[in-house]
């Protein structure tokens, strides 16, 4: 069975989403990076999109009738500003050492209002929280903590100089949201995939404590900041509390998020420079 046809694989859910929204993708300029074997590139092409595929190791791109260019996303893609209508970054963000730089590049290549789709292992679900608590690893009893053998991947070409890190830079929904916000994006929607059975089992036991601690922290922070109802502080803290207590995010196996580009980088940087503190950057 192909990965894209296996409900255990994130490729299955990405392909299904693209097929369900084929009319929205038809005629759009799409970037797929890192493109991997080309499964997502093919799905986008089949909708009628104009697809540009990039990967650090394009030799693994096996989709017939399509090409993939070598590109290091952190160094920049070989396209002009505002080139694409949409970008797919499937199971890639957790491999990049400078994720903020990657988000800035996503902003550069996307048109205003363009969509950025990111998938990554859900480091915010209960199984991942437990695994980190017990062993500082992604999956306890299955994988070792990050290390210099398992977490470093190399190309088959002995002359290749690039090093591709494994899941060394996993991030949860809060950090993903913040990096996106600081790069001119907002969360448009979460696309839910497959439930983690371990997370579902843990939910009835953990959820009351999650609700209690999140509400307690929210209330104390609002009081400390002398926030008044309706202020940017209160709205921001409510958003963060909502993400932490979202049941689907706590049990879903993957994060599959659509972001919308709402500001250019210069505008974001101006607001950062013009604000004191971290909470009123973008309102």
Protein backbone atom coordinates (compact mmCIF):
# COMPACT_ATOMS: atom_id res chain seq x y z
CA UNK A 1 0.00 0.00 0.00
CA UNK A 2 1.28 3.45 -0.91
CA UNK A 3 1.82 5.90 1.96
CA UNK A 4 -0.72 8.32 0.51
CA UNK A 5 -3.35 5.56 0.62
CA UNK A 6 -2.60 4.49 4.19
CA UNK A 7 -4.71 6.26 6.88
CA UNK A 8 -1.77 5.94 9.28
CA UNK A 9 0.30 8.33 7.14
CA UNK A 10 -0.07 12.11 7.11
CA UNK A 11 0.26 11.92 3.32
CA UNK A 12 -3.16 10.27 3.21
CA UNK A 13 -4.81 13.25 4.92
CA UNK A 14 -2.94 15.86 2.89
CA UNK A 15 -3.89 14.14 -0.37
CA UNK A 16 -7.51 13.80 0.78
CA UNK A 17 -7.70 17.47 1.73
CA UNK A 18 -6.28 18.55 -1.63
CA UNK A 19 -8.74 16.34 -3.50
CA UNK A 20 -11.66 17.66 -1.46
CA UNK A 21 -10.69 21.26 -2.26
CA UNK A 22 -9.51 20.75 -5.81
CA UNK A 23 -11.57 23.67 -7.13
CA UNK A 24 -9.80 26.04 -4.73
CA UNK A 25 -6.37 24.89 -5.94
CA UNK A 26 -7.11 24.81 -9.67
CA UNK A 27 -5.06 27.37 -11.58
CA UNK A 28 -3.09 28.44 -8.49
CA UNK A 29 0.70 28.71 -8.30
CA UNK A 30 1.81 26.26 -5.62
CA UNK A 31 5.16 25.57 -3.96
CA UNK A 32 5.81 22.18 -2.38
CA UNK A 33 8.84 22.21 -0.08
CA UNK A 34 10.35 19.97 1.12
CA UNK A 35 8.81 17.93 -1.67
CA UNK A 36 10.13 14.50 -0.65
CA UNK A 37 9.02 11.80 -3.06
CA UNK A 38 6.52 14.16 -4.72
CA UNK A 39 3.22 12.80 -3.42
CA UNK A 40 1.86 16.24 -2.54
CA UNK A 41 3.24 17.77 -5.73
CA UNK A 42 1.33 15.20 -7.78
CA UNK A 43 -1.88 15.72 -5.83
CA UNK A 44 -1.64 19.48 -6.41
CA UNK A 45 -0.85 19.01 -10.10
CA UNK A 46 -3.90 16.78 -10.49
CA UNK A 47 -6.11 19.66 -9.32
CA UNK A 48 -4.79 21.86 -12.13
CA UNK A 49 -2.35 23.86 -10.00
CA UNK A 50 1.01 25.03 -11.35
CA UNK A 51 3.42 23.22 -9.01
CA UNK A 52 7.02 24.10 -8.19
CA UNK A 53 8.79 21.44 -6.11
CA UNK A 54 11.95 22.03 -4.07
CA UNK A 55 13.94 19.82 -1.74
CA UNK A 56 17.41 19.63 -0.24
CA UNK A 57 17.68 16.13 -1.69
CA UNK A 58 15.75 16.15 -5.00
CA UNK A 59 17.17 12.73 -5.90
CA UNK A 60 14.41 11.22 -3.75
CA UNK A 61 11.70 12.88 -5.85
CA UNK A 62 10.18 10.02 -7.86
CA UNK A 63 6.97 11.46 -9.35
CA UNK A 64 6.89 10.87 -13.09
CA UNK A 65 6.35 13.82 -15.37
CA UNK A 66 7.51 16.34 -12.76
CA UNK A 67 10.83 17.79 -11.67
CA UNK A 68 12.16 18.90 -8.31
CA UNK A 69 14.89 21.52 -7.90
CA UNK A 70 17.56 21.41 -5.22
CA UNK A 71 17.01 24.20 -2.71
CA UNK A 72 17.83 24.88 0.92
CA UNK A 73 14.76 26.57 2.33
CA UNK A 74 16.75 28.34 5.04
CA UNK A 75 18.97 29.88 2.35
CA UNK A 76 15.97 30.89 0.25
CA UNK A 77 13.97 29.55 -2.67
CA UNK A 78 14.86 30.55 -6.25
CA UNK A 79 11.63 32.47 -6.86
CA UNK A 80 10.65 36.13 -6.79
CA UNK A 81 8.76 37.88 -3.99
CA UNK A 82 5.02 37.19 -3.98
CA UNK A 83 5.46 34.35 -6.46
CA UNK A 84 2.99 31.77 -5.11
CA UNK A 85 -0.64 31.57 -4.11
CA UNK A 86 0.00 28.72 -1.70
CA UNK A 87 2.82 26.79 -0.07
CA UNK A 88 2.78 23.27 1.31
CA UNK A 89 5.41 22.37 3.89
CA UNK A 90 4.66 18.76 4.77
CA UNK A 91 6.62 17.22 7.65
CA UNK A 92 9.41 19.73 7.16
CA UNK A 93 9.30 22.47 9.80
CA UNK A 94 10.55 20.12 12.56
CA UNK A 95 13.79 19.55 10.61
CA UNK A 96 14.90 23.19 10.37
CA UNK A 97 17.28 24.70 12.90
CA UNK A 98 16.14 28.26 12.09
CA UNK A 99 12.37 27.97 11.91
CA UNK A 100 11.86 31.72 12.16
CA UNK A 101 13.99 32.18 9.04
CA UNK A 102 11.89 29.55 7.25
CA UNK A 103 8.65 31.32 8.15
CA UNK A 104 10.08 34.60 6.84
CA UNK A 105 10.89 32.89 3.55
CA UNK A 106 7.33 31.56 3.37
CA UNK A 107 6.10 35.13 3.79
CA UNK A 108 8.42 36.41 1.07
CA UNK A 109 7.34 33.93 -1.60
CA UNK A 110 3.60 34.15 -0.90
CA UNK A 111 1.19 36.69 -2.28
CA UNK A 112 -0.88 38.79 0.12
CA UNK A 113 -3.69 36.62 1.46
CA UNK A 114 -1.89 33.46 0.32
CA UNK A 115 -2.15 30.19 2.21
CA UNK A 116 0.61 28.32 3.98
CA UNK A 117 -0.14 24.69 4.84
CA UNK A 118 2.11 23.09 7.44
CA UNK A 119 2.02 19.57 8.77
CA UNK A 120 4.23 18.33 11.59
CA UNK A 121 4.06 15.63 14.28
CA UNK A 122 1.78 16.96 17.00
CA UNK A 123 4.11 17.82 19.86
CA UNK A 124 1.12 19.27 21.71
CA UNK A 125 -0.86 16.06 22.05
CA UNK A 126 -0.92 14.18 25.34
CA UNK A 127 1.19 11.29 24.11
CA UNK A 128 3.99 13.69 23.14
CA UNK A 129 3.71 15.56 26.43
CA UNK A 130 4.02 12.29 28.34
CA UNK A 131 6.90 11.10 26.14
CA UNK A 132 8.85 14.28 26.77
CA UNK A 133 8.12 14.10 30.51
CA UNK A 134 9.33 10.51 30.74
CA UNK A 135 12.19 10.37 28.28
CA UNK A 136 12.59 13.65 26.33
CA UNK A 137 11.67 11.80 23.17
CA UNK A 138 8.93 11.93 20.57
CA UNK A 139 7.57 8.45 21.28
CA UNK A 140 8.44 6.75 24.56
CA UNK A 141 9.15 3.02 24.27
CA UNK A 142 9.70 3.50 20.50
CA UNK A 143 12.46 6.05 19.93
CA UNK A 144 15.51 7.27 21.80
CA UNK A 145 15.99 10.94 22.68
CA UNK A 146 17.56 13.10 19.93
CA UNK A 147 21.12 12.01 19.29
CA UNK A 148 23.94 12.37 16.78
CA UNK A 149 23.20 9.06 15.00
CA UNK A 150 19.42 8.79 14.73
CA UNK A 151 18.79 12.53 14.37
CA UNK A 152 21.16 13.26 11.49
CA UNK A 153 20.25 12.22 7.95
CA UNK A 154 22.55 12.38 4.94
CA UNK A 155 22.10 12.07 1.20
CA UNK A 156 23.23 8.88 -0.51
CA UNK A 157 25.69 10.94 -2.53
CA UNK A 158 29.01 10.76 -0.68
CA UNK A 159 29.98 14.18 -2.11
CA UNK A 160 26.92 15.94 -0.71
CA UNK A 161 27.75 18.46 1.99
CA UNK A 162 24.24 19.07 3.29
CA UNK A 163 23.17 17.64 6.62
CA UNK A 164 19.46 17.10 7.13
CA UNK A 165 18.39 16.87 10.74
CA UNK A 166 15.70 14.44 11.83
CA UNK A 167 12.95 15.47 14.25
CA UNK A 168 15.44 17.53 16.22
CA UNK A 169 13.38 20.72 16.27
CA UNK A 170 9.89 19.50 17.07
CA UNK A 171 7.52 22.26 18.08
CA UNK A 172 4.03 22.43 19.51
CA UNK A 173 1.10 24.55 18.50
CA UNK A 174 2.04 27.51 20.71
CA UNK A 175 5.51 27.98 19.24
CA UNK A 176 4.17 27.33 15.75
CA UNK A 177 1.54 30.03 16.24
CA UNK A 178 4.07 32.55 17.57
CA UNK A 179 6.60 32.02 14.78
CA UNK A 180 3.81 32.42 12.26
CA UNK A 181 2.50 35.58 13.94
CA UNK A 182 5.94 37.16 14.05
CA UNK A 183 6.27 36.39 10.33
CA UNK A 184 2.98 37.95 9.22
CA UNK A 185 0.66 34.93 9.36
CA UNK A 186 -2.48 34.06 11.27
CA UNK A 187 -4.00 30.66 11.91
CA UNK A 188 -6.87 30.23 9.49
CA UNK A 189 -7.89 26.67 10.38
CA UNK A 190 -6.79 23.38 11.86
CA UNK A 191 -7.34 20.31 9.70
CA UNK A 192 -7.71 17.28 11.93
CA UNK A 193 -6.33 13.91 10.90
CA UNK A 194 -6.06 10.74 12.98
CA UNK A 195 -6.58 10.39 16.74
CA UNK A 196 -3.66 9.20 18.82
CA UNK A 197 -5.03 6.26 20.84
CA UNK A 198 -2.60 6.90 23.71
CA UNK A 199 -3.65 10.55 23.87
CA UNK A 200 -7.33 9.59 23.85
CA UNK A 201 -6.79 7.21 26.78
CA UNK A 202 -4.94 9.92 28.75
CA UNK A 203 -7.52 12.63 28.04
CA UNK A 204 -10.14 11.84 30.75
CA UNK A 205 -7.43 11.82 33.42
CA UNK A 206 -5.43 14.82 32.25
CA UNK A 207 -8.08 17.18 30.93
CA UNK A 208 -9.48 18.45 34.28
CA UNK A 209 -5.95 19.46 35.34
CA UNK A 210 -5.31 21.08 31.96
CA UNK A 211 -8.46 23.19 32.23
CA UNK A 212 -7.79 24.15 35.85
CA UNK A 213 -4.14 25.14 35.39
CA UNK A 214 -4.80 27.03 32.17
CA UNK A 215 -7.68 29.02 33.64
CA UNK A 216 -5.74 29.72 36.84
CA UNK A 217 -2.71 30.97 34.89
CA UNK A 218 -4.90 33.05 32.58
CA UNK A 219 -6.71 34.70 35.48
CA UNK A 220 -3.52 35.46 37.37
CA UNK A 221 -1.84 36.91 34.31
CA UNK A 222 -4.78 39.14 33.47
CA UNK A 223 -4.91 40.40 37.04
CA UNK A 224 -1.18 41.03 37.14
CA UNK A 225 -1.25 42.98 33.89
CA UNK A 226 -4.30 44.97 35.07
CA UNK A 227 -6.02 44.01 31.86
CA UNK A 228 -9.52 45.30 31.25
CA UNK A 229 -12.16 43.30 29.36
CA UNK A 230 -11.71 43.59 25.64
CA UNK A 231 -8.05 44.62 25.75
CA UNK A 232 -5.43 43.03 23.44
CA UNK A 233 -3.87 41.35 26.46
CA UNK A 234 -7.05 39.57 27.43
CA UNK A 235 -7.84 38.52 23.86
CA UNK A 236 -4.34 37.13 23.37
CA UNK A 237 -4.35 35.21 26.64
CA UNK A 238 -7.77 33.76 25.83
CA UNK A 239 -6.46 32.56 22.46
CA UNK A 240 -3.45 30.88 24.07
CA UNK A 241 -5.62 29.28 26.75
CA UNK A 242 -7.98 28.02 24.05
CA UNK A 243 -5.16 26.37 22.14
CA UNK A 244 -3.87 24.64 25.26
CA UNK A 245 -7.31 23.27 26.13
CA UNK A 246 -8.48 22.33 22.62
CA UNK A 247 -9.49 18.67 22.89
CA UNK A 248 -8.78 17.87 19.25
CA UNK A 249 -5.29 19.35 19.46
CA UNK A 250 -4.65 17.29 22.58
CA UNK A 251 -5.47 13.99 20.88
CA UNK A 252 -4.72 14.45 17.17
CA UNK A 253 -1.65 12.63 15.88
CA UNK A 254 -0.49 15.46 13.59
CA UNK A 255 -0.70 19.23 13.43
CA UNK A 256 -2.13 20.16 10.04
CA UNK A 257 -2.58 23.92 9.93
CA UNK A 258 -3.54 26.43 7.27
CA UNK A 259 -2.06 29.89 7.85
CA UNK A 260 -3.05 33.02 5.97
CA UNK A 261 -0.53 35.71 5.08
CA UNK A 262 -1.97 38.88 6.58
CA UNK A 263 1.05 41.22 6.54
CA UNK A 264 4.33 41.78 4.71
CA UNK A 265 7.57 41.32 6.64
CA UNK A 266 8.39 45.04 6.68
CA UNK A 267 5.02 45.82 8.24
CA UNK A 268 5.52 43.15 10.89
CA UNK A 269 9.02 44.39 11.71
CA UNK A 270 7.78 47.96 12.01
CA UNK A 271 5.18 46.91 14.53
CA UNK A 272 7.76 44.91 16.48
CA UNK A 273 10.07 47.92 16.63
CA UNK A 274 7.22 50.21 17.56
CA UNK A 275 5.96 48.19 20.49
CA UNK A 276 7.38 47.67 23.96
CA UNK A 277 7.06 44.01 24.99
CA UNK A 278 5.85 40.95 23.14
CA UNK A 279 2.11 41.12 23.40
CA UNK A 280 0.90 43.95 21.17
CA UNK A 281 2.99 43.20 18.07
CA UNK A 282 0.01 42.51 15.82
CA UNK A 283 -3.58 43.24 16.81
